[in-house]
Amino acid sequence: MKIVVAVKRVIDANVKVRVKADGTGVETANVKMAMNPFCEIAVEEALRIKEAGGADEVVIVSAGPQGATETIRTALAMGADRGVHVLTDAPLEPLAVAKLLKAVIDKEQPGLVILGKQAIDDDCNQTGQMLAALLGWAQATFASKVEISGESATVTREIDGGLEKVAVKLPAVVTTDLRLNEPRYASLPNIMKAKKKPIEAVAPDALGVDIAPRLTVLKVEEPPKRQAGVKVESAAELVAKLHDAGVI
């Protein structure tokens, strides 16, 4: 079985995000970029399935500018076999990404597709679900455990009330949650090997996908700064302030 894993290049989680002076978006120039943390979990899970004998090949797919190649290389250094880079500098919305992934998947014909449940830059949590709908495949979102058995998969999902276990027939789309696994670090030998692994570059037009945005960003601004708190001398004063604020 072949597994396709979609990964996204985002601003590093440890970097403080700054809004552009003109309010058109966030500043990405000279900012450290990295693989989306949920995508790292997706790559790790695919590699574990392969190492357990449940897959023969792990293919990494990413859509974005030239820098996304480094994100693919990171996944290859973790142990993936090859990559596909849909090269575009245009801003991509979840539906456009889902359509691009579908075009690649139609060509690759994998038995399983794994994605992070969401990206930490836009927090949309839409691409996996849209992709499953476009493919007409079963989907299991927010996975905290994945078990492959023959032509089916059993997925433990994290839901508001606890955990839910579902069985899906393969091929299927799975999106990963935080508690699914702990991603590995790439060793130096694997980093060197990753430089020789193939990455196929393809344009959206070659896939026959229209990636024109359907939304217009009017303005991006930072959240208002919180006001400093005050100390109270007694419980009675606290109750009075809460009453004046309409809390009680």
Protein backbone atom coordinates (compact mmCIF):
# COMPACT_ATOMS: atom_id res chain seq x y z
CA MET A 1 0.00 0.00 0.00
CA LYS A 2 1.10 3.55 -0.72
CA ILE A 3 0.49 6.37 1.76
CA VAL A 4 0.28 10.02 0.71
CA VAL A 5 0.96 12.63 3.38
CA ALA A 6 0.15 16.30 2.83
CA VAL A 7 2.39 18.82 4.60
CA LYS A 8 2.30 22.59 4.88
CA ARG A 9 5.03 25.20 5.36
CA VAL A 10 4.09 27.68 8.10
CA ILE A 11 5.73 30.24 10.34
CA ASP A 12 7.66 28.41 13.06
CA ALA A 13 5.50 27.86 16.15
CA ASN A 14 8.14 29.54 18.35
CA VAL A 15 8.17 32.77 16.32
CA LYS A 16 6.02 35.72 17.37
CA VAL A 17 3.77 36.56 14.43
CA ARG A 18 3.82 40.19 13.30
CA VAL A 19 1.19 41.91 11.18
CA LYS A 20 2.35 43.87 8.12
CA ALA A 21 2.28 47.64 8.46
CA ASP A 22 -0.36 47.93 5.72
CA GLY A 23 -2.62 45.34 7.37
CA THR A 24 -2.73 43.07 4.32
CA GLY A 25 -1.45 39.99 6.15
CA VAL A 26 1.28 38.70 8.44
CA GLU A 27 4.97 39.31 7.89
CA THR A 28 6.77 36.33 6.35
CA ALA A 29 9.90 38.03 4.99
CA ASN A 30 13.02 36.95 6.91
CA VAL A 31 10.86 34.87 9.26
CA LYS A 32 11.79 31.32 10.26
CA MET A 33 9.49 28.79 8.59
CA ALA A 34 8.90 25.16 9.51
CA MET A 35 6.61 22.21 8.88
CA ASN A 36 3.18 22.55 10.46
CA PRO A 37 3.29 20.56 13.76
CA PHE A 38 0.17 18.55 12.90
CA CYS A 39 1.77 17.65 9.56
CA GLU A 40 4.84 16.35 11.41
CA ILE A 41 2.53 14.02 13.31
CA ALA A 42 0.98 12.87 10.02
CA VAL A 43 4.41 12.08 8.57
CA GLU A 44 5.42 10.18 11.71
CA GLU A 45 2.25 8.07 11.64
CA ALA A 46 2.76 7.17 7.98
CA LEU A 47 6.33 6.11 8.71
CA ARG A 48 5.22 3.98 11.66
CA ILE A 49 2.63 2.24 9.50
CA LYS A 50 5.30 1.54 6.88
CA GLU A 51 7.78 0.26 9.47
CA ALA A 52 5.09 -2.07 10.82
CA GLY A 53 4.67 -3.56 7.33
CA GLY A 54 1.40 -1.83 6.55
CA ALA A 55 2.74 0.23 3.62
CA ASP A 56 5.42 0.04 0.95
CA GLU A 57 5.93 3.73 0.18
CA VAL A 58 5.32 7.12 1.80
CA VAL A 59 4.89 10.06 -0.60
CA ILE A 60 4.97 13.64 0.67
CA VAL A 61 2.90 16.32 -1.08
CA SER A 62 3.06 20.06 -0.46
CA ALA A 63 1.64 23.06 -2.29
CA GLY A 64 3.27 26.45 -2.05
CA PRO A 65 6.26 28.59 -3.00
CA GLN A 66 9.80 27.38 -3.64
CA GLY A 67 10.52 27.31 0.10
CA ALA A 68 8.06 24.44 0.52
CA THR A 69 10.72 22.20 -1.01
CA GLU A 70 12.62 22.43 2.27
CA THR A 71 9.52 21.31 4.13
CA ILE A 72 9.31 18.28 1.86
CA ARG A 73 13.03 17.60 2.44
CA THR A 74 12.39 17.62 6.18
CA ALA A 75 9.78 14.88 5.74
CA LEU A 76 12.14 12.93 3.48
CA ALA A 77 14.84 13.20 6.14
CA MET A 78 12.41 11.72 8.65
CA GLY A 79 12.15 8.67 6.39
CA ALA A 80 9.62 9.33 3.61
CA ASP A 81 10.48 8.00 0.15
CA ARG A 82 9.80 10.84 -2.30
CA GLY A 83 7.98 14.12 -2.69
CA VAL A 84 5.62 16.02 -4.95
CA HIS A 85 5.76 19.82 -4.89
CA VAL A 86 2.85 21.75 -6.40
CA LEU A 87 4.77 24.94 -7.07
CA THR A 88 2.84 28.20 -6.78
CA ASP A 89 3.35 31.61 -5.18
CA ALA A 90 -0.39 32.31 -5.13
CA PRO A 91 -2.25 32.30 -1.81
CA LEU A 92 -4.05 28.99 -1.36
CA GLU A 93 -7.39 28.45 0.34
CA PRO A 94 -8.38 25.04 1.78
CA LEU A 95 -10.64 24.15 -1.15
CA ALA A 96 -7.87 24.91 -3.66
CA VAL A 97 -5.43 22.76 -1.67
CA ALA A 98 -7.98 19.93 -1.52
CA LYS A 99 -8.43 20.08 -5.30
CA LEU A 100 -4.66 20.05 -5.86
CA LEU A 101 -4.27 17.08 -3.53
CA LYS A 102 -7.07 15.24 -5.30
CA ALA A 103 -5.31 15.70 -8.64
CA VAL A 104 -2.08 14.28 -7.22
CA ILE A 105 -3.91 11.44 -5.47
CA ASP A 106 -5.74 10.49 -8.67
CA LYS A 107 -2.30 9.99 -10.20
CA GLU A 108 -0.63 8.28 -7.23
CA GLN A 109 -3.55 5.99 -6.29
CA PRO A 110 -2.64 5.57 -2.60
CA GLY A 111 -4.48 3.35 -0.14
CA LEU A 112 -4.37 5.96 2.62
CA VAL A 113 -4.02 9.75 2.84
CA ILE A 114 -2.93 11.37 6.11
CA LEU A 115 -3.06 15.10 6.88
CA GLY A 116 -2.71 17.24 9.97
CA LYS A 117 -6.14 18.17 11.31
CA GLN A 118 -5.34 21.88 10.82
CA ALA A 119 -2.52 24.32 10.12
CA ILE A 120 -1.38 26.63 12.90
CA ASP A 121 -1.39 29.68 10.62
CA ASP A 122 -5.03 29.78 9.53
CA ASP A 123 -6.57 27.12 11.85
CA CYS A 124 -9.14 26.31 9.16
CA ASN A 125 -9.49 22.55 9.82
CA GLN A 126 -11.13 22.09 6.39
CA THR A 127 -8.71 20.56 3.90
CA GLY A 128 -8.97 16.94 5.03
CA GLN A 129 -12.75 16.95 5.06
CA MET A 130 -12.98 18.69 1.68
CA LEU A 131 -10.48 16.25 0.19
CA ALA A 132 -12.47 13.24 1.39
CA ALA A 133 -15.64 14.72 -0.12
CA LEU A 134 -13.94 15.38 -3.48
CA LEU A 135 -12.51 11.85 -3.58
CA GLY A 136 -15.69 10.20 -2.33
CA TRP A 137 -13.62 8.37 0.30
CA ALA A 138 -14.29 7.57 3.94
CA GLN A 139 -12.77 9.96 6.44
CA ALA A 140 -11.67 9.78 10.08
CA THR A 141 -10.72 13.12 11.62
CA PHE A 142 -8.90 14.06 14.86
CA ALA A 143 -7.18 10.67 15.08
CA SER A 144 -5.39 9.77 18.32
CA LYS A 145 -4.78 6.15 17.25
CA VAL A 146 -4.70 4.45 13.85
CA GLU A 147 -4.71 0.68 13.31
CA ILE A 148 -4.46 -0.80 9.81
CA SER A 149 -5.87 -4.27 9.21
CA GLY A 150 -6.13 -5.54 5.64
CA GLU A 151 -8.49 -3.38 3.63
CA SER A 152 -9.77 -1.37 6.59
CA ALA A 153 -8.55 0.94 9.33
CA THR A 154 -9.74 1.44 12.89
CA VAL A 155 -9.31 5.01 14.08
CA THR A 156 -9.75 6.34 17.60
CA ARG A 157 -11.00 9.92 17.38
CA GLU A 158 -10.84 12.69 19.94
CA ILE A 159 -14.27 14.25 20.41
CA ASP A 160 -15.76 16.71 22.91
CA GLY A 161 -17.15 13.93 25.10
CA GLY A 162 -14.01 11.77 25.11
CA LEU A 163 -12.95 9.18 22.53
CA GLU A 164 -14.80 7.60 19.62
CA LYS A 165 -13.63 4.54 17.69
CA VAL A 166 -14.63 4.22 14.02
CA ALA A 167 -13.83 1.68 11.31
CA VAL A 168 -13.34 2.86 7.73
CA LYS A 169 -12.71 1.00 4.50
CA LEU A 170 -9.57 1.86 2.60
CA PRO A 171 -8.79 4.02 0.71
CA ALA A 172 -9.57 6.68 3.29
CA VAL A 173 -8.53 10.11 4.52
CA VAL A 174 -7.27 10.48 8.11
CA THR A 175 -6.46 13.74 9.89
CA THR A 176 -4.17 13.68 12.91
CA ASP A 177 -4.59 15.09 16.40
CA LEU A 178 -1.86 16.01 18.87
CA ARG A 179 -1.89 12.83 20.93
CA LEU A 180 -1.46 10.43 18.00
CA ASN A 181 2.33 10.23 18.34
CA GLU A 182 5.59 12.06 19.04
CA PRO A 183 7.38 12.93 15.76
CA ARG A 184 10.97 11.76 15.44
CA TYR A 185 14.01 13.90 14.82
CA ALA A 186 15.82 13.38 11.55
CA SER A 187 19.29 11.91 12.00
CA LEU A 188 22.27 13.42 10.20
CA PRO A 189 22.69 10.39 7.86
CA ASN A 190 19.00 10.60 6.90
CA ILE A 191 19.31 14.34 6.30
CA MET A 192 22.13 13.64 3.86
CA LYS A 193 20.14 10.84 2.19
CA ALA A 194 17.12 13.14 1.82
CA LYS A 195 19.12 15.40 -0.50
CA LYS A 196 19.18 12.60 -3.08
CA LYS A 197 15.54 11.59 -2.80
CA PRO A 198 13.37 12.73 -5.73
CA ILE A 199 10.95 15.64 -5.53
CA GLU A 200 8.66 16.11 -8.53
CA ALA A 201 7.69 19.71 -9.23
CA VAL A 202 4.36 20.33 -10.91
CA ALA A 203 2.31 23.47 -11.63
CA PRO A 204 -1.39 23.82 -10.72
CA ASP A 205 -2.22 24.37 -14.39
CA ALA A 206 -0.65 21.03 -15.26
CA LEU A 207 -3.02 19.41 -12.78
CA GLY A 208 -5.99 21.20 -14.30
CA VAL A 209 -6.91 22.95 -11.05
CA ASP A 210 -8.17 26.53 -10.73
CA ILE A 211 -6.67 27.96 -7.52
CA ALA A 212 -8.20 31.44 -7.81
CA PRO A 213 -9.18 32.61 -4.31
CA ARG A 214 -12.86 32.83 -3.41
CA LEU A 215 -12.31 35.05 -0.39
CA THR A 216 -10.90 38.57 -0.09
CA VAL A 217 -8.93 39.60 2.98
CA LEU A 218 -10.11 43.05 3.97
CA LYS A 219 -7.72 43.65 6.84
CA VAL A 220 -5.47 41.81 9.28
CA GLU A 221 -4.87 43.33 12.69
CA GLU A 222 -3.43 42.21 16.01
CA PRO A 223 -5.84 41.51 18.88
CA PRO A 224 -6.26 44.38 21.33
CA LYS A 225 -3.84 44.40 24.24
CA ARG A 226 -5.28 43.28 27.53
CA GLN A 227 -5.55 45.90 30.23
CA ALA A 228 -3.48 45.41 33.33
CA GLY A 229 -5.22 43.92 36.33
CA VAL A 230 -5.66 45.64 39.70
CA LYS A 231 -5.28 44.40 43.25
CA VAL A 232 -8.19 44.57 45.67
CA GLU A 233 -7.93 44.91 49.41
CA SER A 234 -10.84 42.68 50.37
CA ALA A 235 -13.38 40.16 49.15
CA ALA A 236 -16.09 42.78 49.49
CA GLU A 237 -14.22 45.09 47.10
CA LEU A 238 -13.76 42.21 44.63
CA VAL A 239 -17.48 41.43 44.70
CA ALA A 240 -18.28 45.12 44.19
CA LYS A 241 -15.99 45.37 41.16
CA LEU A 242 -17.41 42.19 39.64
CA HIS A 243 -20.91 43.55 40.19
CA ASP A 244 -20.03 46.90 38.58
CA ALA A 245 -18.55 45.04 35.59
CA GLY A 246 -21.76 43.05 35.16
CA VAL A 247 -20.06 39.72 35.83
CA ILE A 248 -22.35 38.95 38.78
